[in-house]
Amino acid sequence: NYFLQYGTEEQKKYYLPKMISGELVGAIAMTEPGAGSDLQRIKTTANFDEAMNGYVLNGSKTFITNGQLCDFAIVVAKTKLDVKPSKGISLFIVDASKDGFTKGKNLEKIGLHACDTSELFFEDILLDDRDILGGVDQGFSVLMNELPRERLIVANCAVACMEGVLTDTVTYVKERELFGTTLDQLQHTQFTLAEL
């Protein structure tokens, strides 16, 4: 949705068909060590260098879904340090093949093993205006518009997983016998399932 809502025509034309076909895999790099997902506390910077006529990206991210697989990442970075934290944030489309883009270790998680979750590191990566998504210093408002939808998707997934677990559990307790009866006939099991 980031490209559809905030991308330039050039960005849409390049990225959307390749993402749909699976030719390109993207990641959204927000979370940082020490800041978590508190976007106002991020340390990753993209300072404008007049001599190079571009932004120089430096920093790191962690817990990035698709971090190992990504061909590019939408990176949240501070572009202004002397303003209110929510005002000086921009989004940059960073090609993973650029010098200075390093994929760290794949992080172990309790679940969702089909989704890799990784660290990403950025060192002196030169970016230009074509790499900005949603406008300079507009990143915080873009994220505030998009994150509620993303969080709702995560909540829906959690509810769907729980429904599946509950269905499997009910099937199991109806089949498993103990003390001469199935588990679903035991009062403790009934109380436990009723609370779910």
Protein backbone atom coordinates (compact mmCIF):
# COMPACT_ATOMS: atom_id res chain seq x y z
CA ASN A 1 0.00 0.00 0.00
CA TYR A 2 2.95 2.34 0.56
CA PHE A 3 3.71 2.49 -3.15
CA LEU A 4 0.06 2.79 -4.17
CA GLN A 5 -0.66 5.63 -1.78
CA TYR A 6 2.65 7.50 -1.62
CA GLY A 7 4.82 6.41 -4.52
CA THR A 8 5.66 8.53 -7.53
CA GLU A 9 4.46 7.28 -10.91
CA GLU A 10 8.01 6.19 -11.66
CA GLN A 11 8.22 4.21 -8.40
CA LYS A 12 4.83 2.58 -8.98
CA LYS A 13 5.74 1.62 -12.54
CA TYR A 14 9.03 0.05 -11.47
CA TYR A 15 8.19 -1.65 -8.17
CA LEU A 16 4.56 -2.75 -8.30
CA PRO A 17 4.71 -5.14 -11.30
CA LYS A 18 7.92 -6.72 -10.00
CA MET A 19 6.51 -7.16 -6.50
CA ILE A 20 3.30 -8.68 -7.86
CA SER A 21 5.25 -11.15 -10.04
CA GLY A 22 7.55 -12.06 -7.15
CA GLU A 23 10.60 -10.76 -8.97
CA LEU A 24 11.22 -8.29 -6.12
CA VAL A 25 10.72 -8.86 -2.39
CA GLY A 26 10.46 -5.84 -0.14
CA ALA A 27 10.82 -5.16 3.56
CA ILE A 28 9.79 -2.27 5.78
CA ALA A 29 12.65 -1.35 8.10
CA MET A 30 11.34 0.56 11.11
CA THR A 31 12.27 -1.18 14.35
CA GLU A 32 15.65 -0.39 15.88
CA PRO A 33 17.71 -1.72 18.77
CA GLY A 34 17.09 0.57 21.72
CA ALA A 35 14.05 2.24 20.19
CA GLY A 36 11.79 -0.70 19.44
CA SER A 37 8.94 0.53 17.29
CA ASP A 38 8.89 3.98 18.92
CA LEU A 39 9.51 5.86 15.69
CA GLN A 40 10.32 9.11 17.44
CA ARG A 41 13.38 7.50 19.08
CA ILE A 42 15.03 6.09 15.96
CA LYS A 43 18.74 6.74 15.46
CA THR A 44 19.09 5.86 11.76
CA THR A 45 19.88 9.03 9.82
CA ALA A 46 19.83 10.16 6.22
CA ASN A 47 21.75 13.42 6.24
CA PHE A 48 21.70 15.57 3.13
CA ASP A 49 25.20 16.07 1.72
CA GLU A 50 25.32 19.07 -0.59
CA ALA A 51 28.65 18.04 -2.13
CA MET A 52 27.18 14.66 -3.15
CA ASN A 53 23.74 16.11 -3.87
CA GLY A 54 22.09 13.29 -1.95
CA TYR A 55 21.27 11.73 1.38
CA VAL A 56 23.81 9.58 3.23
CA LEU A 57 22.09 6.77 5.12
CA ASN A 58 23.61 5.33 8.31
CA GLY A 59 22.09 3.14 11.00
CA SER A 60 20.65 -0.25 11.81
CA LYS A 61 17.30 -1.99 12.11
CA THR A 62 16.20 -5.18 13.82
CA PHE A 63 13.25 -7.62 13.69
CA ILE A 64 12.71 -6.85 10.00
CA THR A 65 10.36 -9.29 8.28
CA ASN A 66 11.79 -10.37 4.90
CA GLY A 67 15.15 -8.91 5.93
CA GLN A 68 17.12 -11.87 4.58
CA LEU A 69 15.07 -12.19 1.40
CA CYS A 70 14.51 -8.55 0.52
CA ASP A 71 15.68 -7.01 -2.72
CA PHE A 72 14.92 -3.59 -1.28
CA ALA A 73 13.80 -2.10 2.00
CA ILE A 74 11.70 0.92 2.81
CA VAL A 75 13.90 2.44 5.51
CA VAL A 76 12.66 4.88 8.14
CA ALA A 77 15.35 7.49 8.82
CA LYS A 78 15.73 10.89 10.43
CA THR A 79 16.37 13.60 7.87
CA LYS A 80 16.22 16.50 10.32
CA LEU A 81 17.63 16.36 13.83
CA ASP A 82 16.79 19.90 14.96
CA VAL A 83 13.00 19.56 14.83
CA LYS A 84 10.33 17.78 16.84
CA PRO A 85 11.05 14.02 16.51
CA SER A 86 7.87 13.33 14.56
CA LYS A 87 8.61 16.04 11.99
CA GLY A 88 12.03 15.06 10.67
CA ILE A 89 11.43 11.49 9.50
CA SER A 90 11.50 10.28 5.89
CA LEU A 91 11.07 6.95 4.10
CA PHE A 92 13.74 5.80 1.66
CA ILE A 93 13.60 2.95 -0.84
CA VAL A 94 17.00 1.29 -0.48
CA ASP A 95 18.18 -1.35 -2.95
CA ALA A 96 19.74 -4.27 -1.07
CA SER A 97 22.53 -4.52 -3.66
CA LYS A 98 23.89 -1.06 -2.78
CA ASP A 99 27.32 -0.87 -1.17
CA GLY A 100 26.89 -0.40 2.56
CA PHE A 101 23.65 -2.43 2.79
CA THR A 102 24.34 -5.46 4.99
CA LYS A 103 21.94 -8.18 6.04
CA GLY A 104 22.68 -9.39 9.55
CA LYS A 105 21.77 -12.65 11.19
CA ASN A 106 18.36 -14.24 10.88
CA LEU A 107 16.71 -13.92 14.30
CA GLU A 108 15.15 -16.86 16.15
CA LYS A 109 11.47 -16.47 17.03
CA ILE A 110 8.89 -18.50 18.90
CA GLY A 111 6.57 -18.72 15.88
CA LEU A 112 6.11 -17.56 12.28
CA HIS A 113 9.13 -19.54 11.15
CA ALA A 114 8.11 -19.18 7.49
CA CYS A 115 8.85 -15.44 7.76
CA ASP A 116 12.50 -14.61 8.13
CA THR A 117 13.20 -11.82 10.60
CA SER A 118 16.54 -10.14 10.33
CA GLU A 119 18.87 -7.33 11.27
CA LEU A 120 19.78 -4.78 8.60
CA PHE A 121 22.75 -2.40 8.61
CA PHE A 122 23.32 0.73 6.53
CA GLU A 123 26.71 2.39 6.20
CA ASP A 124 27.24 5.52 4.10
CA ILE A 125 24.64 4.60 1.48
CA LEU A 126 24.12 7.46 -0.97
CA LEU A 127 20.48 8.04 -1.90
CA ASP A 128 18.79 10.70 -4.00
CA ASP A 129 15.34 12.26 -4.33
CA ARG A 130 14.13 9.35 -6.47
CA ASP A 131 14.61 7.07 -3.45
CA ILE A 132 12.27 9.06 -1.19
CA LEU A 133 8.82 7.58 -0.65
CA GLY A 134 6.04 9.96 0.37
CA GLY A 135 8.07 13.17 0.50
CA VAL A 136 10.95 14.51 2.56
CA ASP A 137 10.11 14.73 6.28
CA GLN A 138 6.69 13.16 5.65
CA GLY A 139 7.57 9.66 6.85
CA PHE A 140 6.00 9.89 10.29
CA SER A 141 2.59 10.90 8.94
CA VAL A 142 2.79 8.20 6.25
CA LEU A 143 3.52 5.58 8.91
CA MET A 144 0.75 6.84 11.20
CA ASN A 145 -1.67 6.37 8.29
CA GLU A 146 -0.43 2.87 7.40
CA LEU A 147 0.44 1.25 10.74
CA PRO A 148 -3.15 0.90 12.04
CA ARG A 149 -4.01 -1.22 8.99
CA GLU A 150 -0.88 -3.33 9.45
CA ARG A 151 -1.60 -3.85 13.15
CA LEU A 152 -5.15 -4.90 12.34
CA ILE A 153 -3.80 -7.50 9.91
CA VAL A 154 -1.53 -8.88 12.66
CA ALA A 155 -4.48 -9.02 15.07
CA ASN A 156 -6.61 -10.83 12.47
CA CYS A 157 -3.84 -13.39 11.97
CA ALA A 158 -3.61 -13.97 15.72
CA VAL A 159 -7.37 -14.50 16.02
CA ALA A 160 -7.37 -16.88 13.03
CA CYS A 161 -4.50 -18.88 14.55
CA MET A 162 -6.32 -19.10 17.87
CA GLU A 163 -9.50 -20.28 16.14
CA GLY A 164 -7.50 -23.04 14.48
CA VAL A 165 -5.89 -24.08 17.76
CA LEU A 166 -9.28 -24.12 19.51
CA THR A 167 -10.83 -26.22 16.73
CA ASP A 168 -7.95 -28.73 16.89
CA THR A 169 -8.17 -28.83 20.69
CA VAL A 170 -11.91 -29.52 20.71
CA THR A 171 -11.42 -32.32 18.16
CA TYR A 172 -8.64 -33.80 20.31
CA VAL A 173 -10.56 -33.71 23.62
CA LYS A 174 -13.56 -35.38 21.96
CA GLU A 175 -11.34 -38.28 20.80
CA ARG A 176 -8.85 -38.71 23.68
CA GLU A 177 -9.98 -41.06 26.43
CA LEU A 178 -8.93 -40.88 30.06
CA PHE A 179 -10.46 -42.47 33.17
CA GLY A 180 -12.96 -44.35 31.01
CA THR A 181 -14.36 -41.29 29.24
CA THR A 182 -13.34 -38.74 26.65
CA LEU A 183 -11.62 -35.58 27.89
CA ASP A 184 -14.53 -33.39 26.76
CA GLN A 185 -16.72 -35.05 29.41
CA LEU A 186 -14.40 -34.01 32.25
CA GLN A 187 -15.60 -30.92 34.09
CA HIS A 188 -12.14 -29.35 34.32
CA THR A 189 -11.70 -29.64 30.55
CA GLN A 190 -15.14 -28.14 29.97
CA PHE A 191 -14.36 -25.17 32.24
CA THR A 192 -11.01 -24.58 30.55
CA LEU A 193 -12.52 -24.66 27.06
CA ALA A 194 -15.42 -22.44 28.14
CA GLU A 195 -12.94 -19.78 29.28
CA LEU A 196 -11.33 -19.77 25.84
